PDB file of N, CA and C in Angstrom:
ATOM      1  N   MET A   1      15.281 -10.437  -4.818  1.00  0.00           N
ATOM      2  CA  MET A   1      14.923 -10.611  -3.424  1.00  0.00           C
ATOM      3  C   MET A   1      15.961  -9.931  -2.531  1.00  0.00           C
ATOM      4  N   ILE A   2      15.473  -9.393  -1.458  1.00  0.00           N
ATOM      5  CA  ILE A   2      16.333  -8.740  -0.483  1.00  0.00           C
ATOM      6  C   ILE A   2      16.460  -9.668   0.716  1.00  0.00           C
ATOM      7  N   ASP A   3      17.680  -9.828   1.174  1.00  0.00           N
ATOM      8  CA  ASP A   3      17.929 -10.688   2.317  1.00  0.00           C
ATOM      9  C   ASP A   3      17.586  -9.927   3.592  1.00  0.00           C
ATOM     10  N   LEU A   4      16.539 -10.371   4.293  1.00  0.00           N
ATOM     11  CA  LEU A   4      16.108  -9.697   5.510  1.00  0.00           C
ATOM     12  C   LEU A   4      16.966 -10.002   6.718  1.00  0.00           C
ATOM     13  N   SER A   5      17.818 -11.010   6.611  1.00  0.00           N
ATOM     14  CA  SER A   5      18.610 -11.390   7.773  1.00  0.00           C
ATOM     15  C   SER A   5      19.845 -10.515   7.946  1.00  0.00           C
ATOM     16  N   SER A   6      20.212  -9.741   6.940  1.00  0.00           N
ATOM     17  CA  SER A   6      21.400  -8.899   7.068  1.00  0.00           C
ATOM     18  C   SER A   6      21.004  -7.430   7.027  1.00  0.00           C
ATOM     19  N   ASP A   7      21.566  -6.670   7.940  1.00  0.00           N
ATOM     20  CA  ASP A   7      21.299  -5.242   8.003  1.00  0.00           C
ATOM     21  C   ASP A   7      22.187  -4.502   7.006  1.00  0.00           C
ATOM     22  N   LEU A   8      21.729  -3.334   6.601  1.00  0.00           N
ATOM     23  CA  LEU A   8      22.512  -2.487   5.720  1.00  0.00           C
ATOM     24  C   LEU A   8      23.389  -1.574   6.560  1.00  0.00           C
ATOM     25  N   ASP A   9      24.644  -1.449   6.181  1.00  0.00           N
ATOM     26  CA  ASP A   9      25.586  -0.620   6.919  1.00  0.00           C
ATOM     27  C   ASP A   9      25.687   0.735   6.226  1.00  0.00           C
ATOM     28  N   LEU A  10      25.146   1.768   6.869  1.00  0.00           N
ATOM     29  CA  LEU A  10      25.224   3.125   6.332  1.00  0.00           C
ATOM     30  C   LEU A  10      26.124   3.963   7.231  1.00  0.00           C
ATOM     31  N   MET A  11      27.385   4.042   6.859  1.00  0.00           N
ATOM     32  CA  MET A  11      28.377   4.821   7.596  1.00  0.00           C
ATOM     33  C   MET A  11      28.419   4.440   9.076  1.00  0.00           C
ATOM     34  N   GLY A  12      28.380   3.154   9.351  1.00  0.00           N
ATOM     35  CA  GLY A  12      28.478   2.659  10.713  1.00  0.00           C
ATOM     36  C   GLY A  12      27.143   2.490  11.425  1.00  0.00           C
ATOM     37  N   VAL A  13      26.060   2.867  10.788  1.00  0.00           N
ATOM     38  CA  VAL A  13      24.733   2.709  11.381  1.00  0.00           C
ATOM     39  C   VAL A  13      24.049   1.549  10.673  1.00  0.00           C
ATOM     40  N   PHE A  14      23.675   0.546  11.438  1.00  0.00           N
ATOM     41  CA  PHE A  14      23.031  -0.621  10.858  1.00  0.00           C
ATOM     42  C   PHE A  14      21.521  -0.388  10.773  1.00  0.00           C
ATOM     43  N   VAL A  15      20.997  -0.489   9.555  1.00  0.00           N
ATOM     44  CA  VAL A  15      19.585  -0.235   9.289  1.00  0.00           C
ATOM     45  C   VAL A  15      18.977  -1.511   8.727  1.00  0.00           C
ATOM     46  N   PRO A  16      17.848  -1.974   9.293  1.00  0.00           N
ATOM     47  CA  PRO A  16      17.213  -3.159   8.731  1.00  0.00           C
ATOM     48  C   PRO A  16      16.664  -2.852   7.339  1.00  0.00           C
ATOM     49  N   PRO A  17      16.643  -3.838   6.444  1.00  0.00           N
ATOM     50  CA  PRO A  17      16.163  -3.603   5.072  1.00  0.00           C
ATOM     51  C   PRO A  17      14.724  -3.092   5.014  1.00  0.00           C
ATOM     52  N   VAL A  18      13.869  -3.554   5.914  1.00  0.00           N
ATOM     53  CA  VAL A  18      12.486  -3.082   5.915  1.00  0.00           C
ATOM     54  C   VAL A  18      12.439  -1.601   6.282  1.00  0.00           C
ATOM     55  N   GLY A  19      13.307  -1.162   7.173  1.00  0.00           N
ATOM     56  CA  GLY A  19      13.380   0.257   7.521  1.00  0.00           C
ATOM     57  C   GLY A  19      13.821   1.105   6.351  1.00  0.00           C
ATOM     58  N   MET A  20      14.778   0.605   5.592  1.00  0.00           N
ATOM     59  CA  MET A  20      15.250   1.323   4.417  1.00  0.00           C
ATOM     60  C   MET A  20      14.160   1.384   3.346  1.00  0.00           C
ATOM     61  N   ILE A  21      13.446   0.280   3.171  1.00  0.00           N
ATOM     62  CA  ILE A  21      12.344   0.264   2.204  1.00  0.00           C
ATOM     63  C   ILE A  21      11.254   1.229   2.661  1.00  0.00           C
ATOM     64  N   GLY A  22      11.014   1.306   3.966  1.00  0.00           N
ATOM     65  CA  GLY A  22      10.028   2.240   4.500  1.00  0.00           C
ATOM     66  C   GLY A  22      10.380   3.686   4.205  1.00  0.00           C
ATOM     67  N   ILE A  23      11.652   4.025   4.292  1.00  0.00           N
ATOM     68  CA  ILE A  23      12.092   5.389   3.979  1.00  0.00           C
ATOM     69  C   ILE A  23      11.901   5.685   2.499  1.00  0.00           C
ATOM     70  N   VAL A  24      12.244   4.719   1.644  1.00  0.00           N
ATOM     71  CA  VAL A  24      12.078   4.902   0.198  1.00  0.00           C
ATOM     72  C   VAL A  24      10.599   5.051  -0.162  1.00  0.00           C
ATOM     73  N   VAL A  25       9.744   4.230   0.436  1.00  0.00           N
ATOM     74  CA  VAL A  25       8.301   4.333   0.187  1.00  0.00           C
ATOM     75  C   VAL A  25       7.789   5.703   0.625  1.00  0.00           C
ATOM     76  N   PHE A  26       8.275   6.183   1.766  1.00  0.00           N
ATOM     77  CA  PHE A  26       7.843   7.490   2.255  1.00  0.00           C
ATOM     78  C   PHE A  26       8.228   8.598   1.280  1.00  0.00           C
ATOM     79  N   LEU A  27       9.460   8.565   0.803  1.00  0.00           N
ATOM     80  CA  LEU A  27       9.946   9.640  -0.060  1.00  0.00           C
ATOM     81  C   LEU A  27       9.408   9.557  -1.488  1.00  0.00           C
ATOM     82  N   LEU A  28       9.338   8.359  -2.049  1.00  0.00           N
ATOM     83  CA  LEU A  28       8.990   8.221  -3.465  1.00  0.00           C
ATOM     84  C   LEU A  28       7.507   7.986  -3.732  1.00  0.00           C
ATOM     85  N   LEU A  29       6.780   7.448  -2.772  1.00  0.00           N
ATOM     86  CA  LEU A  29       5.368   7.152  -2.994  1.00  0.00           C
ATOM     87  C   LEU A  29       4.442   8.010  -2.130  1.00  0.00           C
ATOM     88  N   PHE A  30       4.694   8.009  -0.827  1.00  0.00           N
ATOM     89  CA  PHE A  30       3.763   8.663   0.092  1.00  0.00           C
ATOM     90  C   PHE A  30       3.730  10.180  -0.081  1.00  0.00           C
ATOM     91  N   LEU A  31       4.887  10.829  -0.098  1.00  0.00           N
ATOM     92  CA  LEU A  31       4.903  12.288  -0.189  1.00  0.00           C
ATOM     93  C   LEU A  31       4.262  12.816  -1.467  1.00  0.00           C
ATOM     94  N   PRO A  32       4.570  12.259  -2.660  1.00  0.00           N
ATOM     95  CA  PRO A  32       3.887  12.772  -3.862  1.00  0.00           C
ATOM     96  C   PRO A  32       2.371  12.552  -3.834  1.00  0.00           C
ATOM     97  N   ILE A  33       1.923  11.396  -3.347  1.00  0.00           N
ATOM     98  CA  ILE A  33       0.483  11.146  -3.270  1.00  0.00           C
ATOM     99  C   ILE A  33      -0.164  12.086  -2.262  1.00  0.00           C
ATOM    100  N   ARG A  34       0.513  12.328  -1.156  1.00  0.00           N
ATOM    101  CA  ARG A  34      -0.022  13.242  -0.137  1.00  0.00           C
ATOM    102  C   ARG A  34      -0.123  14.662  -0.679  1.00  0.00           C
ATOM    103  N   LEU A  35       0.896  15.108  -1.409  1.00  0.00           N
ATOM    104  CA  LEU A  35       0.842  16.443  -2.004  1.00  0.00           C
ATOM    105  C   LEU A  35      -0.270  16.544  -3.042  1.00  0.00           C
ATOM    106  N   LEU A  36      -0.457  15.490  -3.814  1.00  0.00           N
ATOM    107  CA  LEU A  36      -1.542  15.474  -4.792  1.00  0.00           C
ATOM    108  C   LEU A  36      -2.900  15.519  -4.100  1.00  0.00           C
ATOM    109  N   MET A  37      -3.028  14.792  -3.007  1.00  0.00           N
ATOM    110  CA  MET A  37      -4.287  14.801  -2.260  1.00  0.00           C
ATOM    111  C   MET A  37      -4.561  16.176  -1.649  1.00  0.00           C
ATOM    112  N   MET A  38      -3.505  16.865  -1.196  1.00  0.00           N
ATOM    113  CA  MET A  38      -3.693  18.212  -0.664  1.00  0.00           C
ATOM    114  C   MET A  38      -4.086  19.180  -1.782  1.00  0.00           C
ATOM    115  N   ARG A  39      -3.458  19.034  -2.921  1.00  0.00           N
ATOM    116  CA  ARG A  39      -3.753  19.925  -4.039  1.00  0.00           C
ATOM    117  C   ARG A  39      -5.178  19.733  -4.563  1.00  0.00           C
ATOM    118  N   LEU A  40      -5.637  18.485  -4.573  1.00  0.00           N
ATOM    119  CA  LEU A  40      -6.992  18.184  -5.031  1.00  0.00           C
ATOM    120  C   LEU A  40      -8.035  18.351  -3.934  1.00  0.00           C
ATOM    121  N   ARG A  41      -7.580  18.724  -2.744  1.00  0.00           N
ATOM    122  CA  ARG A  41      -8.457  18.947  -1.581  1.00  0.00           C
ATOM    123  C   ARG A  41      -9.249  17.694  -1.209  1.00  0.00           C
ATOM    124  N   VAL A  42      -8.588  16.560  -1.246  1.00  0.00           N
ATOM    125  CA  VAL A  42      -9.223  15.293  -0.886  1.00  0.00           C
ATOM    126  C   VAL A  42      -9.393  15.181   0.625  1.00  0.00           C
ATOM    127  N   TYR A  43      -8.512  15.820   1.376  1.00  0.00           N
ATOM    128  CA  TYR A  43      -8.550  15.713   2.836  1.00  0.00           C
ATOM    129  C   TYR A  43      -9.831  16.295   3.439  1.00  0.00           C
ATOM    130  N   ARG A  44     -10.511  17.169   2.728  1.00  0.00           N
ATOM    131  CA  ARG A  44     -11.738  17.746   3.282  1.00  0.00           C
ATOM    132  C   ARG A  44     -12.858  16.719   3.369  1.00  0.00           C
ATOM    133  N   LEU A  45     -12.681  15.572   2.698  1.00  0.00           N
ATOM    134  CA  LEU A  45     -13.681  14.512   2.741  1.00  0.00           C
ATOM    135  C   LEU A  45     -13.545  13.631   3.981  1.00  0.00           C
ATOM    136  N   PHE A  46     -12.431  13.780   4.701  1.00  0.00           N
ATOM    137  CA  PHE A  46     -12.142  12.907   5.838  1.00  0.00           C
ATOM    138  C   PHE A  46     -12.165  13.701   7.136  1.00  0.00           C
ATOM    139  N   TRP A  47     -12.516  12.991   8.197  1.00  0.00           N
ATOM    140  CA  TRP A  47     -12.611  13.602   9.497  1.00  0.00           C
ATOM    141  C   TRP A  47     -11.237  13.864  10.110  1.00  0.00           C
ATOM    142  N   HIS A  48     -10.308  12.928   9.942  1.00  0.00           N
ATOM    143  CA  HIS A  48      -9.015  13.003  10.621  1.00  0.00           C
ATOM    144  C   HIS A  48      -7.894  12.826   9.601  1.00  0.00           C
ATOM    145  N   ARG A  49      -7.221  13.910   9.297  1.00  0.00           N
ATOM    146  CA  ARG A  49      -6.179  13.886   8.265  1.00  0.00           C
ATOM    147  C   ARG A  49      -5.003  12.980   8.642  1.00  0.00           C
ATOM    148  N   GLY A  50      -4.602  13.013   9.890  1.00  0.00           N
ATOM    149  CA  GLY A  50      -3.485  12.178  10.338  1.00  0.00           C
ATOM    150  C   GLY A  50      -3.784  10.695  10.200  1.00  0.00           C
ATOM    151  N   LEU A  51      -5.013  10.321  10.481  1.00  0.00           N
ATOM    152  CA  LEU A  51      -5.413   8.927  10.347  1.00  0.00           C
ATOM    153  C   LEU A  51      -5.376   8.486   8.889  1.00  0.00           C
ATOM    154  N   VAL A  52      -5.787   9.358   7.993  1.00  0.00           N
ATOM    155  CA  VAL A  52      -5.724   9.060   6.556  1.00  0.00           C
ATOM    156  C   VAL A  52      -4.271   8.884   6.120  1.00  0.00           C
ATOM    157  N   ASP A  53      -3.381   9.717   6.633  1.00  0.00           N
ATOM    158  CA  ASP A  53      -1.960   9.611   6.290  1.00  0.00           C
ATOM    159  C   ASP A  53      -1.361   8.286   6.767  1.00  0.00           C
ATOM    160  N   VAL A  54      -1.699   7.895   7.992  1.00  0.00           N
ATOM    161  CA  VAL A  54      -1.178   6.629   8.528  1.00  0.00           C
ATOM    162  C   VAL A  54      -1.697   5.453   7.711  1.00  0.00           C
ATOM    163  N   CYS A  55      -2.971   5.481   7.376  1.00  0.00           N
ATOM    164  CA  CYS A  55      -3.558   4.392   6.580  1.00  0.00           C
ATOM    165  C   CYS A  55      -2.950   4.339   5.190  1.00  0.00           C
ATOM    166  N   LEU A  56      -2.773   5.492   4.564  1.00  0.00           N
ATOM    167  CA  LEU A  56      -2.185   5.545   3.224  1.00  0.00           C
ATOM    168  C   LEU A  56      -0.756   5.002   3.236  1.00  0.00           C
ATOM    169  N   TYR A  57       0.043   5.424   4.223  1.00  0.00           N
ATOM    170  CA  TYR A  57       1.422   4.933   4.315  1.00  0.00           C
ATOM    171  C   TYR A  57       1.456   3.427   4.572  1.00  0.00           C
ATOM    172  N   SER A  58       0.581   2.939   5.442  1.00  0.00           N
ATOM    173  CA  SER A  58       0.550   1.503   5.731  1.00  0.00           C
ATOM    174  C   SER A  58       0.192   0.694   4.488  1.00  0.00           C
ATOM    175  N   ILE A  59      -0.772   1.184   3.727  1.00  0.00           N
ATOM    176  CA  ILE A  59      -1.166   0.485   2.496  1.00  0.00           C
ATOM    177  C   ILE A  59      -0.030   0.492   1.487  1.00  0.00           C
ATOM    178  N   LEU A  60       0.629   1.633   1.316  1.00  0.00           N
ATOM    179  CA  LEU A  60       1.728   1.724   0.355  1.00  0.00           C
ATOM    180  C   LEU A  60       2.917   0.844   0.764  1.00  0.00           C
ATOM    181  N   LEU A  61       3.252   0.863   2.048  1.00  0.00           N
ATOM    182  CA  LEU A  61       4.365   0.035   2.524  1.00  0.00           C
ATOM    183  C   LEU A  61       4.034  -1.443   2.391  1.00  0.00           C
ATOM    184  N   GLY A  62       2.830  -1.836   2.778  1.00  0.00           N
ATOM    185  CA  GLY A  62       2.435  -3.241   2.661  1.00  0.00           C
ATOM    186  C   GLY A  62       2.423  -3.712   1.223  1.00  0.00           C
ATOM    187  N   ALA A  63       1.901  -2.889   0.313  1.00  0.00           N
ATOM    188  CA  ALA A  63       1.867  -3.264  -1.098  1.00  0.00           C
ATOM    189  C   ALA A  63       3.280  -3.376  -1.677  1.00  0.00           C
ATOM    190  N   THR A  64       4.153  -2.459  -1.277  1.00  0.00           N
ATOM    191  CA  THR A  64       5.535  -2.514  -1.759  1.00  0.00           C
ATOM    192  C   THR A  64       6.237  -3.765  -1.259  1.00  0.00           C
ATOM    193  N   LEU A  65       6.041  -4.101   0.010  1.00  0.00           N
ATOM    194  CA  LEU A  65       6.666  -5.306   0.550  1.00  0.00           C
ATOM    195  C   LEU A  65       6.113  -6.563  -0.117  1.00  0.00           C
ATOM    196  N   LEU A  66       4.831  -6.576  -0.441  1.00  0.00           N
ATOM    197  CA  LEU A  66       4.262  -7.728  -1.146  1.00  0.00           C
ATOM    198  C   LEU A  66       4.820  -7.854  -2.558  1.00  0.00           C
ATOM    199  N   VAL A  67       4.977  -6.731  -3.239  1.00  0.00           N
ATOM    200  CA  VAL A  67       5.535  -6.759  -4.595  1.00  0.00           C
ATOM    201  C   VAL A  67       6.981  -7.239  -4.572  1.00  0.00           C
ATOM    202  N   LEU A  68       7.733  -6.811  -3.565  1.00  0.00           N
ATOM    203  CA  LEU A  68       9.126  -7.231  -3.445  1.00  0.00           C
ATOM    204  C   LEU A  68       9.264  -8.646  -2.890  1.00  0.00           C
ATOM    205  N   GLY A  69       8.175  -9.214  -2.407  1.00  0.00           N
ATOM    206  CA  GLY A  69       8.225 -10.559  -1.849  1.00  0.00           C
ATOM    207  C   GLY A  69       8.632 -10.581  -0.397  1.00  0.00           C
ATOM    208  N   LEU A  70       8.406  -9.482   0.324  1.00  0.00           N
ATOM    209  CA  LEU A  70       8.789  -9.385   1.721  1.00  0.00           C
ATOM    210  C   LEU A  70       7.548  -9.167   2.562  1.00  0.00           C
ATOM    211  N   PRO A  71       7.446  -9.558   3.738  1.00  0.00           N
ATOM    212  CA  PRO A  71       8.257 -10.593   4.348  1.00  0.00           C
ATOM    213  C   PRO A  71       7.823 -11.967   3.858  1.00  0.00           C
ATOM    214  N   ARG A  72       8.732 -12.812   3.704  1.00  0.00           N
ATOM    215  CA  ARG A  72       8.453 -14.161   3.221  1.00  0.00           C
ATOM    216  C   ARG A  72       8.531 -15.109   4.411  1.00  0.00           C
ATOM    217  N   ALA A  73       7.418 -15.673   4.732  1.00  0.00           N
ATOM    218  CA  ALA A  73       7.354 -16.605   5.852  1.00  0.00           C
ATOM    219  C   ALA A  73       6.779 -17.923   5.355  1.00  0.00           C
ATOM    220  N   ASP A  74       7.387 -19.011   5.768  1.00  0.00           N
ATOM    221  CA  ASP A  74       6.885 -20.337   5.420  1.00  0.00           C
ATOM    222  C   ASP A  74       5.991 -20.807   6.561  1.00  0.00           C
ATOM    223  N   LEU A  75       4.735 -20.431   6.496  1.00  0.00           N
ATOM    224  CA  LEU A  75       3.815 -20.744   7.579  1.00  0.00           C
ATOM    225  C   LEU A  75       3.025 -22.014   7.315  1.00  0.00           C
ATOM    226  N   ASN A  76       3.068 -22.539   6.074  1.00  0.00           N
ATOM    227  CA  ASN A  76       2.335 -23.727   5.675  1.00  0.00           C
ATOM    228  C   ASN A  76       0.839 -23.579   5.967  1.00  0.00           C
ATOM    229  N   LEU A  77       0.275 -22.468   5.552  1.00  0.00           N
ATOM    230  CA  LEU A  77      -1.154 -22.239   5.756  1.00  0.00           C
ATOM    231  C   LEU A  77      -1.960 -23.047   4.755  1.00  0.00           C
ATOM    232  N   PRO A  78      -3.159 -23.500   5.122  1.00  0.00           N
ATOM    233  CA  PRO A  78      -3.945 -24.360   4.238  1.00  0.00           C
ATOM    234  C   PRO A  78      -4.576 -23.628   3.071  1.00  0.00           C
ATOM    235  N   PHE A  79      -4.500 -22.317   2.995  1.00  0.00           N
ATOM    236  CA  PHE A  79      -5.142 -21.614   1.887  1.00  0.00           C
ATOM    237  C   PHE A  79      -4.133 -20.930   1.014  1.00  0.00           C
TER     238      PHE A  79
END
């Protein structure tokens, strides 16, 4: 588990852990999948390429945060 209450100190610049995870997801997951989609010409099936990129990144980031157990909120939901 990653402690979300403490920022990471990178040479004097404080970066929130979710921001750091977002950068890692972008570099290790999003870019290779995007290059593969360009190579396979998947983008021609969609009307708006930028919208597909935003949706793909959001899905990858959300899935990564869920796998890592972030964000963890005690909301006491009934389901």
